[in-house]
Amino acid sequence: PPSYSDLGKAAKDIFSKGYGFGVVKLDLKTKSQSGV
């Protein structure tokens, strides 16, 4: 089963993901050859 904080996560994600009101945001994800 999921952890307690992840109960109902599917519904929470529909309400929270895909939005970013009032901010301009940049996310950058990279990975080095050594796995960092």
PDB file of all heavy atoms in Angstrom:
ATOM      1  N   PRO A   1       0.830  -1.206   0.000  1.00  0.00           N
ATOM      2  CA  PRO A   1       0.000   0.000   0.000  1.00  0.00           C
ATOM      3  C   PRO A   1       0.867   1.261   0.000  1.00  0.00           C
ATOM      4  O   PRO A   1       2.049   1.205   0.351  1.00  0.00           O
ATOM      5  CB  PRO A   1      -0.805  -0.118   1.306  1.00  0.00           C
ATOM      6  CG  PRO A   1       0.006  -1.004   2.181  1.00  0.00           C
ATOM      7  CD  PRO A   1       0.748  -1.941   1.274  1.00  0.00           C
ATOM      8  N   PRO A   2       0.315   2.409  -0.378  1.00  0.00           N
ATOM      9  CA  PRO A   2       1.096   3.649  -0.373  1.00  0.00           C
ATOM     10  C   PRO A   2       1.359   4.125   1.054  1.00  0.00           C
ATOM     11  O   PRO A   2       0.734   3.647   2.009  1.00  0.00           O
ATOM     12  CB  PRO A   2       0.198   4.631  -1.127  1.00  0.00           C
ATOM     13  CG  PRO A   2      -1.189   4.104  -0.927  1.00  0.00           C
ATOM     14  CD  PRO A   2      -1.057   2.615  -0.869  1.00  0.00           C
ATOM     15  N   SER A   3       2.278   5.068   1.205  1.00  0.00           N
ATOM     16  CA  SER A   3       2.505   5.671   2.515  1.00  0.00           C
ATOM     17  C   SER A   3       1.304   6.550   2.862  1.00  0.00           C
ATOM     18  O   SER A   3       0.496   6.892   1.992  1.00  0.00           O
ATOM     19  CB  SER A   3       3.776   6.514   2.502  1.00  0.00           C
ATOM     20  OG  SER A   3       3.641   7.588   1.591  1.00  0.00           O
ATOM     21  N   TYR A   4       1.186   6.941   4.134  1.00  0.00           N
ATOM     22  CA  TYR A   4       0.023   7.733   4.559  1.00  0.00           C
ATOM     23  C   TYR A   4      -0.063   9.043   3.771  1.00  0.00           C
ATOM     24  O   TYR A   4      -1.144   9.439   3.337  1.00  0.00           O
ATOM     25  CB  TYR A   4       0.099   8.024   6.058  1.00  0.00           C
ATOM     26  CG  TYR A   4      -1.190   8.622   6.602  1.00  0.00           C
ATOM     27  CD1 TYR A   4      -2.174   7.802   7.147  1.00  0.00           C
ATOM     28  CD2 TYR A   4      -1.438   9.988   6.534  1.00  0.00           C
ATOM     29  CE1 TYR A   4      -3.366   8.328   7.622  1.00  0.00           C
ATOM     30  CE2 TYR A   4      -2.627  10.528   7.002  1.00  0.00           C
ATOM     31  CZ  TYR A   4      -3.588   9.696   7.541  1.00  0.00           C
ATOM     32  OH  TYR A   4      -4.775  10.231   8.010  1.00  0.00           O
ATOM     33  N   SER A   5       1.071   9.694   3.544  1.00  0.00           N
ATOM     34  CA  SER A   5       1.058  10.981   2.842  1.00  0.00           C
ATOM     35  C   SER A   5       0.663  10.841   1.371  1.00  0.00           C
ATOM     36  O   SER A   5       0.265  11.819   0.735  1.00  0.00           O
ATOM     37  CB  SER A   5       2.432  11.652   2.940  1.00  0.00           C
ATOM     38  OG  SER A   5       3.429  10.817   2.372  1.00  0.00           O
ATOM     39  N   ASP A   6       0.769   9.620   0.828  1.00  0.00           N
ATOM     40  CA  ASP A   6       0.405   9.389  -0.576  1.00  0.00           C
ATOM     41  C   ASP A   6      -1.022   8.877  -0.756  1.00  0.00           C
ATOM     42  O   ASP A   6      -1.449   8.612  -1.883  1.00  0.00           O
ATOM     43  CB  ASP A   6       1.382   8.397  -1.221  1.00  0.00           C
ATOM     44  CG  ASP A   6       2.709   9.053  -1.574  1.00  0.00           C
ATOM     45  OD1 ASP A   6       2.753  10.292  -1.642  1.00  0.00           O
ATOM     46  OD2 ASP A   6       3.698   8.322  -1.774  1.00  0.00           O
ATOM     47  N   LEU A   7      -1.771   8.724   0.339  1.00  0.00           N
ATOM     48  CA  LEU A   7      -3.173   8.323   0.212  1.00  0.00           C
ATOM     49  C   LEU A   7      -3.946   9.449  -0.490  1.00  0.00           C
ATOM     50  O   LEU A   7      -3.823  10.614  -0.136  1.00  0.00           O
ATOM     51  CB  LEU A   7      -3.781   8.056   1.589  1.00  0.00           C
ATOM     52  CG  LEU A   7      -3.285   6.805   2.328  1.00  0.00           C
ATOM     53  CD1 LEU A   7      -3.833   6.770   3.741  1.00  0.00           C
ATOM     54  CD2 LEU A   7      -3.679   5.542   1.575  1.00  0.00           C
ATOM     55  N   GLY A   8      -4.722   9.096  -1.508  1.00  0.00           N
ATOM     56  CA  GLY A   8      -5.463  10.109  -2.261  1.00  0.00           C
ATOM     57  C   GLY A   8      -4.590  10.926  -3.196  1.00  0.00           C
ATOM     58  O   GLY A   8      -5.002  11.986  -3.675  1.00  0.00           O
ATOM     59  N   LYS A   9      -3.377  10.452  -3.473  1.00  0.00           N
ATOM     60  CA  LYS A   9      -2.421  11.220  -4.287  1.00  0.00           C
ATOM     61  C   LYS A   9      -2.905  11.463  -5.710  1.00  0.00           C
ATOM     62  O   LYS A   9      -2.657  12.524  -6.291  1.00  0.00           O
ATOM     63  CB  LYS A   9      -1.067  10.498  -4.313  1.00  0.00           C
ATOM     64  CG  LYS A   9       0.038  11.278  -5.031  1.00  0.00           C
ATOM     65  CD  LYS A   9       1.361  10.534  -4.966  1.00  0.00           C
ATOM     66  CE  LYS A   9       2.480  11.340  -5.596  1.00  0.00           C
ATOM     67  NZ  LYS A   9       2.288  11.569  -7.044  1.00  0.00           N
ATOM     68  N   ALA A  10      -3.610  10.499  -6.283  1.00  0.00           N
ATOM     69  CA  ALA A  10      -4.068  10.653  -7.669  1.00  0.00           C
ATOM     70  C   ALA A  10      -4.955  11.891  -7.814  1.00  0.00           C
ATOM     71  O   ALA A  10      -4.826  12.663  -8.760  1.00  0.00           O
ATOM     72  CB  ALA A  10      -4.810   9.400  -8.120  1.00  0.00           C
ATOM     73  N   ALA A  11      -5.868  12.095  -6.840  1.00  0.00           N
ATOM     74  CA  ALA A  11      -6.748  13.267  -6.879  1.00  0.00           C
ATOM     75  C   ALA A  11      -5.957  14.548  -6.613  1.00  0.00           C
ATOM     76  O   ALA A  11      -6.166  15.580  -7.266  1.00  0.00           O
ATOM     77  CB  ALA A  11      -7.877  13.119  -5.855  1.00  0.00           C
ATOM     78  N   LYS A  12      -5.016  14.496  -5.659  1.00  0.00           N
ATOM     79  CA  LYS A  12      -4.194  15.677  -5.353  1.00  0.00           C
ATOM     80  C   LYS A  12      -3.413  16.133  -6.575  1.00  0.00           C
ATOM     81  O   LYS A  12      -3.273  17.333  -6.836  1.00  0.00           O
ATOM     82  CB  LYS A  12      -3.208  15.349  -4.216  1.00  0.00           C
ATOM     83  CG  LYS A  12      -3.841  15.138  -2.857  1.00  0.00           C
ATOM     84  CD  LYS A  12      -2.745  14.760  -1.850  1.00  0.00           C
ATOM     85  CE  LYS A  12      -3.323  14.123  -0.602  1.00  0.00           C
ATOM     86  NZ  LYS A  12      -2.273  13.544   0.269  1.00  0.00           N
ATOM     87  N   ASP A  13      -2.880  15.161  -7.336  1.00  0.00           N
ATOM     88  CA  ASP A  13      -2.085  15.506  -8.522  1.00  0.00           C
ATOM     89  C   ASP A  13      -2.921  16.214  -9.582  1.00  0.00           C
ATOM     90  O   ASP A  13      -2.426  17.120 -10.264  1.00  0.00           O
ATOM     91  CB  ASP A  13      -1.452  14.241  -9.119  1.00  0.00           C
ATOM     92  CG  ASP A  13      -0.281  13.734  -8.280  1.00  0.00           C
ATOM     93  OD1 ASP A  13       0.154  14.455  -7.370  1.00  0.00           O
ATOM     94  OD2 ASP A  13       0.179  12.601  -8.544  1.00  0.00           O
ATOM     95  N   ILE A  14      -4.172  15.818  -9.742  1.00  0.00           N
ATOM     96  CA  ILE A  14      -5.037  16.474 -10.734  1.00  0.00           C
ATOM     97  C   ILE A  14      -5.260  17.941 -10.346  1.00  0.00           C
ATOM     98  O   ILE A  14      -5.369  18.818 -11.203  1.00  0.00           O
ATOM     99  CB  ILE A  14      -6.393  15.736 -10.854  1.00  0.00           C
ATOM    100  CG1 ILE A  14      -6.184  14.305 -11.343  1.00  0.00           C
ATOM    101  CG2 ILE A  14      -7.340  16.468 -11.817  1.00  0.00           C
ATOM    102  CD1 ILE A  14      -5.614  14.190 -12.731  1.00  0.00           C
ATOM    103  N   PHE A  15      -5.302  18.224  -9.042  1.00  0.00           N
ATOM    104  CA  PHE A  15      -5.509  19.596  -8.568  1.00  0.00           C
ATOM    105  C   PHE A  15      -4.229  20.425  -8.557  1.00  0.00           C
ATOM    106  O   PHE A  15      -4.291  21.654  -8.609  1.00  0.00           O
ATOM    107  CB  PHE A  15      -6.104  19.589  -7.155  1.00  0.00           C
ATOM    108  CG  PHE A  15      -7.594  19.425  -7.125  1.00  0.00           C
ATOM    109  CD1 PHE A  15      -8.175  18.162  -7.075  1.00  0.00           C
ATOM    110  CD2 PHE A  15      -8.435  20.524  -7.167  1.00  0.00           C
ATOM    111  CE1 PHE A  15      -9.550  18.008  -7.059  1.00  0.00           C
ATOM    112  CE2 PHE A  15      -9.814  20.376  -7.156  1.00  0.00           C
ATOM    113  CZ  PHE A  15     -10.372  19.117  -7.097  1.00  0.00           C
ATOM    114  N   SER A  16      -3.076  19.782  -8.459  1.00  0.00           N
ATOM    115  CA  SER A  16      -1.840  20.555  -8.266  1.00  0.00           C
ATOM    116  C   SER A  16      -0.900  20.584  -9.463  1.00  0.00           C
ATOM    117  O   SER A  16      -0.225  21.598  -9.703  1.00  0.00           O
ATOM    118  CB  SER A  16      -1.081  20.008  -7.045  1.00  0.00           C
ATOM    119  OG  SER A  16      -0.713  18.659  -7.251  1.00  0.00           O
ATOM    120  N   LYS A  17      -0.838  19.506 -10.228  1.00  0.00           N
ATOM    121  CA  LYS A  17       0.129  19.456 -11.328  1.00  0.00           C
ATOM    122  C   LYS A  17      -0.403  20.173 -12.569  1.00  0.00           C
ATOM    123  O   LYS A  17      -1.582  20.113 -12.876  1.00  0.00           O
ATOM    124  CB  LYS A  17       0.475  18.000 -11.660  1.00  0.00           C
ATOM    125  CG  LYS A  17       1.314  17.341 -10.573  1.00  0.00           C
ATOM    126  CD  LYS A  17       1.830  15.980 -11.005  1.00  0.00           C
ATOM    127  CE  LYS A  17       2.762  15.390  -9.958  1.00  0.00           C
ATOM    128  NZ  LYS A  17       3.291  14.077 -10.361  1.00  0.00           N
ATOM    129  N   GLY A  18       0.492  20.833 -13.276  1.00  0.00           N
ATOM    130  CA  GLY A  18       0.097  21.558 -14.482  1.00  0.00           C
ATOM    131  C   GLY A  18      -0.293  22.998 -14.210  1.00  0.00           C
ATOM    132  O   GLY A  18      -0.805  23.684 -15.094  1.00  0.00           O
ATOM    133  N   TYR A  19      -0.050  23.469 -12.971  1.00  0.00           N
ATOM    134  CA  TYR A  19      -0.367  24.851 -12.612  1.00  0.00           C
ATOM    135  C   TYR A  19       0.856  25.497 -11.961  1.00  0.00           C
ATOM    136  O   TYR A  19       1.675  24.819 -11.351  1.00  0.00           O
ATOM    137  CB  TYR A  19      -1.535  24.910 -11.622  1.00  0.00           C
ATOM    138  CG  TYR A  19      -2.797  24.233 -12.086  1.00  0.00           C
ATOM    139  CD1 TYR A  19      -3.134  22.953 -11.629  1.00  0.00           C
ATOM    140  CD2 TYR A  19      -3.664  24.862 -12.980  1.00  0.00           C
ATOM    141  CE1 TYR A  19      -4.292  22.324 -12.042  1.00  0.00           C
ATOM    142  CE2 TYR A  19      -4.825  24.233 -13.400  1.00  0.00           C
ATOM    143  CZ  TYR A  19      -5.135  22.965 -12.936  1.00  0.00           C
ATOM    144  OH  TYR A  19      -6.291  22.345 -13.354  1.00  0.00           O
ATOM    145  N   GLY A  20       0.929  26.813 -12.056  1.00  0.00           N
ATOM    146  CA  GLY A  20       1.997  27.566 -11.389  1.00  0.00           C
ATOM    147  C   GLY A  20       1.611  29.028 -11.337  1.00  0.00           C
ATOM    148  O   GLY A  20       2.238  29.879 -11.964  1.00  0.00           O
ATOM    149  N   PHE A  21       0.559  29.301 -10.583  1.00  0.00           N
ATOM    150  CA  PHE A  21      -0.010  30.652 -10.569  1.00  0.00           C
ATOM    151  C   PHE A  21       0.936  31.659  -9.909  1.00  0.00           C
ATOM    152  O   PHE A  21       1.507  31.402  -8.858  1.00  0.00           O
ATOM    153  CB  PHE A  21      -1.346  30.667  -9.817  1.00  0.00           C
ATOM    154  CG  PHE A  21      -2.315  29.628 -10.282  1.00  0.00           C
ATOM    155  CD1 PHE A  21      -2.893  28.744  -9.384  1.00  0.00           C
ATOM    156  CD2 PHE A  21      -2.644  29.511 -11.621  1.00  0.00           C
ATOM    157  CE1 PHE A  21      -3.789  27.776  -9.804  1.00  0.00           C
ATOM    158  CE2 PHE A  21      -3.533  28.544 -12.053  1.00  0.00           C
ATOM    159  CZ  PHE A  21      -4.106  27.672 -11.144  1.00  0.00           C
ATOM    160  N   GLY A  22       1.074  32.818 -10.534  1.00  0.00           N
ATOM    161  CA  GLY A  22       1.816  33.921  -9.923  1.00  0.00           C
ATOM    162  C   GLY A  22       3.320  33.782  -9.944  1.00  0.00           C
ATOM    163  O   GLY A  22       4.017  34.554  -9.289  1.00  0.00           O
ATOM    164  N   VAL A  23       3.851  32.801 -10.686  1.00  0.00           N
ATOM    165  CA  VAL A  23       5.305  32.644 -10.752  1.00  0.00           C
ATOM    166  C   VAL A  23       5.763  32.336 -12.175  1.00  0.00           C
ATOM    167  O   VAL A  23       5.015  31.771 -12.981  1.00  0.00           O
ATOM    168  CB  VAL A  23       5.818  31.510  -9.816  1.00  0.00           C
ATOM    169  CG1 VAL A  23       5.644  31.873  -8.364  1.00  0.00           C
ATOM    170  CG2 VAL A  23       5.147  30.192 -10.139  1.00  0.00           C
ATOM    171  N   VAL A  24       6.976  32.756 -12.463  1.00  0.00           N
ATOM    172  CA  VAL A  24       7.666  32.328 -13.678  1.00  0.00           C
ATOM    173  C   VAL A  24       8.793  31.422 -13.202  1.00  0.00           C
ATOM    174  O   VAL A  24       9.624  31.829 -12.375  1.00  0.00           O
ATOM    175  CB  VAL A  24       8.234  33.524 -14.466  1.00  0.00           C
ATOM    176  CG1 VAL A  24       9.017  33.039 -15.678  1.00  0.00           C
ATOM    177  CG2 VAL A  24       7.115  34.458 -14.899  1.00  0.00           C
ATOM    178  N   LYS A  25       8.802  30.184 -13.663  1.00  0.00           N
ATOM    179  CA  LYS A  25       9.701  29.185 -13.089  1.00  0.00           C
ATOM    180  C   LYS A  25      10.480  28.439 -14.168  1.00  0.00           C
ATOM    181  O   LYS A  25       9.963  28.163 -15.249  1.00  0.00           O
ATOM    182  CB  LYS A  25       8.880  28.188 -12.252  1.00  0.00           C
ATOM    183  CG  LYS A  25       9.706  27.240 -11.418  1.00  0.00           C
ATOM    184  CD  LYS A  25       8.811  26.354 -10.549  1.00  0.00           C
ATOM    185  CE  LYS A  25       9.654  25.434  -9.678  1.00  0.00           C
ATOM    186  NZ  LYS A  25       8.837  24.498  -8.885  1.00  0.00           N
ATOM    187  N   LEU A  26      11.733  28.135 -13.846  1.00  0.00           N
ATOM    188  CA  LEU A  26      12.587  27.354 -14.737  1.00  0.00           C
ATOM    189  C   LEU A  26      13.165  26.178 -13.953  1.00  0.00           C
ATOM    190  O   LEU A  26      13.738  26.357 -12.878  1.00  0.00           O
ATOM    191  CB  LEU A  26      13.724  28.216 -15.286  1.00  0.00           C
ATOM    192  CG  LEU A  26      14.799  27.484 -16.109  1.00  0.00           C
ATOM    193  CD1 LEU A  26      14.201  26.920 -17.399  1.00  0.00           C
ATOM    194  CD2 LEU A  26      15.974  28.413 -16.416  1.00  0.00           C
ATOM    195  N   ASP A  27      12.982  24.962 -14.477  1.00  0.00           N
ATOM    196  CA  ASP A  27      13.546  23.754 -13.862  1.00  0.00           C
ATOM    197  C   ASP A  27      14.509  23.107 -14.852  1.00  0.00           C
ATOM    198  O   ASP A  27      14.163  22.917 -16.025  1.00  0.00           O
ATOM    199  CB  ASP A  27      12.444  22.747 -13.514  1.00  0.00           C
ATOM    200  CG  ASP A  27      11.567  23.227 -12.373  1.00  0.00           C
ATOM    201  OD1 ASP A  27      12.114  23.531 -11.309  1.00  0.00           O
ATOM    202  OD2 ASP A  27      10.339  23.292 -12.559  1.00  0.00           O
ATOM    203  N   LEU A  28      15.694  22.762 -14.364  1.00  0.00           N
ATOM    204  CA  LEU A  28      16.701  22.128 -15.209  1.00  0.00           C
ATOM    205  C   LEU A  28      17.197  20.863 -14.534  1.00  0.00           C
ATOM    206  O   LEU A  28      17.629  20.889 -13.382  1.00  0.00           O
ATOM    207  CB  LEU A  28      17.868  23.097 -15.445  1.00  0.00           C
ATOM    208  CG  LEU A  28      19.079  22.548 -16.209  1.00  0.00           C
ATOM    209  CD1 LEU A  28      18.678  22.152 -17.632  1.00  0.00           C
ATOM    210  CD2 LEU A  28      20.206  23.573 -16.246  1.00  0.00           C
ATOM    211  N   LYS A  29      17.095  19.739 -15.246  1.00  0.00           N
ATOM    212  CA  LYS A  29      17.553  18.454 -14.714  1.00  0.00           C
ATOM    213  C   LYS A  29      18.644  17.891 -15.622  1.00  0.00           C
ATOM    214  O   LYS A  29      18.441  17.765 -16.835  1.00  0.00           O
ATOM    215  CB  LYS A  29      16.392  17.451 -14.640  1.00  0.00           C
ATOM    216  CG  LYS A  29      15.279  17.862 -13.695  1.00  0.00           C
ATOM    217  CD  LYS A  29      14.169  16.828 -13.679  1.00  0.00           C
ATOM    218  CE  LYS A  29      13.027  17.253 -12.767  1.00  0.00           C
ATOM    219  NZ  LYS A  29      11.923  16.262 -12.753  1.00  0.00           N
ATOM    220  N   THR A  30      19.786  17.573 -15.031  1.00  0.00           N
ATOM    221  CA  THR A  30      20.890  16.994 -15.800  1.00  0.00           C
ATOM    222  C   THR A  30      21.485  15.834 -15.018  1.00  0.00           C
ATOM    223  O   THR A  30      21.266  15.704 -13.809  1.00  0.00           O
ATOM    224  CB  THR A  30      21.997  18.035 -16.081  1.00  0.00           C
ATOM    225  OG1 THR A  30      22.460  18.555 -14.838  1.00  0.00           O
ATOM    226  CG2 THR A  30      21.477  19.162 -16.953  1.00  0.00           C
ATOM    227  N   LYS A  31      22.275  15.014 -15.704  1.00  0.00           N
ATOM    228  CA  LYS A  31      22.918  13.864 -15.069  1.00  0.00           C
ATOM    229  C   LYS A  31      24.323  13.713 -15.623  1.00  0.00           C
ATOM    230  O   LYS A  31      24.520  13.728 -16.846  1.00  0.00           O
ATOM    231  CB  LYS A  31      22.093  12.594 -15.337  1.00  0.00           C
ATOM    232  CG  LYS A  31      22.516  11.399 -14.498  1.00  0.00           C
ATOM    233  CD  LYS A  31      21.525  10.243 -14.673  1.00  0.00           C
ATOM    234  CE  LYS A  31      21.865   9.083 -13.748  1.00  0.00           C
ATOM    235  NZ  LYS A  31      20.868   7.983 -13.870  1.00  0.00           N
ATOM    236  N   SER A  32      25.303  13.592 -14.729  1.00  0.00           N
ATOM    237  CA  SER A  32      26.688  13.463 -15.162  1.00  0.00           C
ATOM    238  C   SER A  32      26.974  12.018 -15.555  1.00  0.00           C
ATOM    239  O   SER A  32      26.201  11.106 -15.268  1.00  0.00           O
ATOM    240  CB  SER A  32      27.636  13.896 -14.039  1.00  0.00           C
ATOM    241  OG  SER A  32      27.605  12.948 -12.984  1.00  0.00           O
ATOM    242  N   GLN A  33      28.130  11.807 -16.190  1.00  0.00           N
ATOM    243  CA  GLN A  33      28.509  10.467 -16.615  1.00  0.00           C
ATOM    244  C   GLN A  33      28.752   9.545 -15.423  1.00  0.00           C
ATOM    245  O   GLN A  33      28.607   8.326 -15.524  1.00  0.00           O
ATOM    246  CB  GLN A  33      29.772  10.535 -17.486  1.00  0.00           C
ATOM    247  CG  GLN A  33      29.516  11.140 -18.866  1.00  0.00           C
ATOM    248  CD  GLN A  33      30.766  11.129 -19.728  1.00  0.00           C
ATOM    249  OE1 GLN A  33      31.879  11.107 -19.219  1.00  0.00           O
ATOM    250  NE2 GLN A  33      30.587  11.146 -21.044  1.00  0.00           N
ATOM    251  N   SER A  34      29.107  10.126 -14.275  1.00  0.00           N
ATOM    252  CA  SER A  34      29.360   9.318 -13.077  1.00  0.00           C
ATOM    253  C   SER A  34      28.081   8.969 -12.332  1.00  0.00           C
ATOM    254  O   SER A  34      28.118   8.287 -11.308  1.00  0.00           O
ATOM    255  CB  SER A  34      30.314  10.059 -12.134  1.00  0.00           C
ATOM    256  OG  SER A  34      29.775  11.318 -11.765  1.00  0.00           O
ATOM    257  N   GLY A  35      26.925   9.465 -12.841  1.00  0.00           N
ATOM    258  CA  GLY A  35      25.645   9.111 -12.248  1.00  0.00           C
ATOM    259  C   GLY A  35      25.093  10.118 -11.261  1.00  0.00           C
ATOM    260  O   GLY A  35      24.063   9.861 -10.631  1.00  0.00           O
ATOM    261  N   VAL A  36      25.758  11.265 -11.098  1.00  0.00           N
ATOM    262  CA  VAL A  36      25.260  12.301 -10.193  1.00  0.00           C
ATOM    263  C   VAL A  36      24.159  13.098 -10.895  1.00  0.00           C
ATOM    264  O   VAL A  36      24.339  13.579 -12.023  1.00  0.00           O
ATOM    265  CB  VAL A  36      26.385  13.259  -9.751  1.00  0.00           C
ATOM    266  CG1 VAL A  36      25.843  14.312  -8.778  1.00  0.00           C
ATOM    267  CG2 VAL A  36      27.523  12.485  -9.105  1.00  0.00           C
TER     268      VAL A  36
END
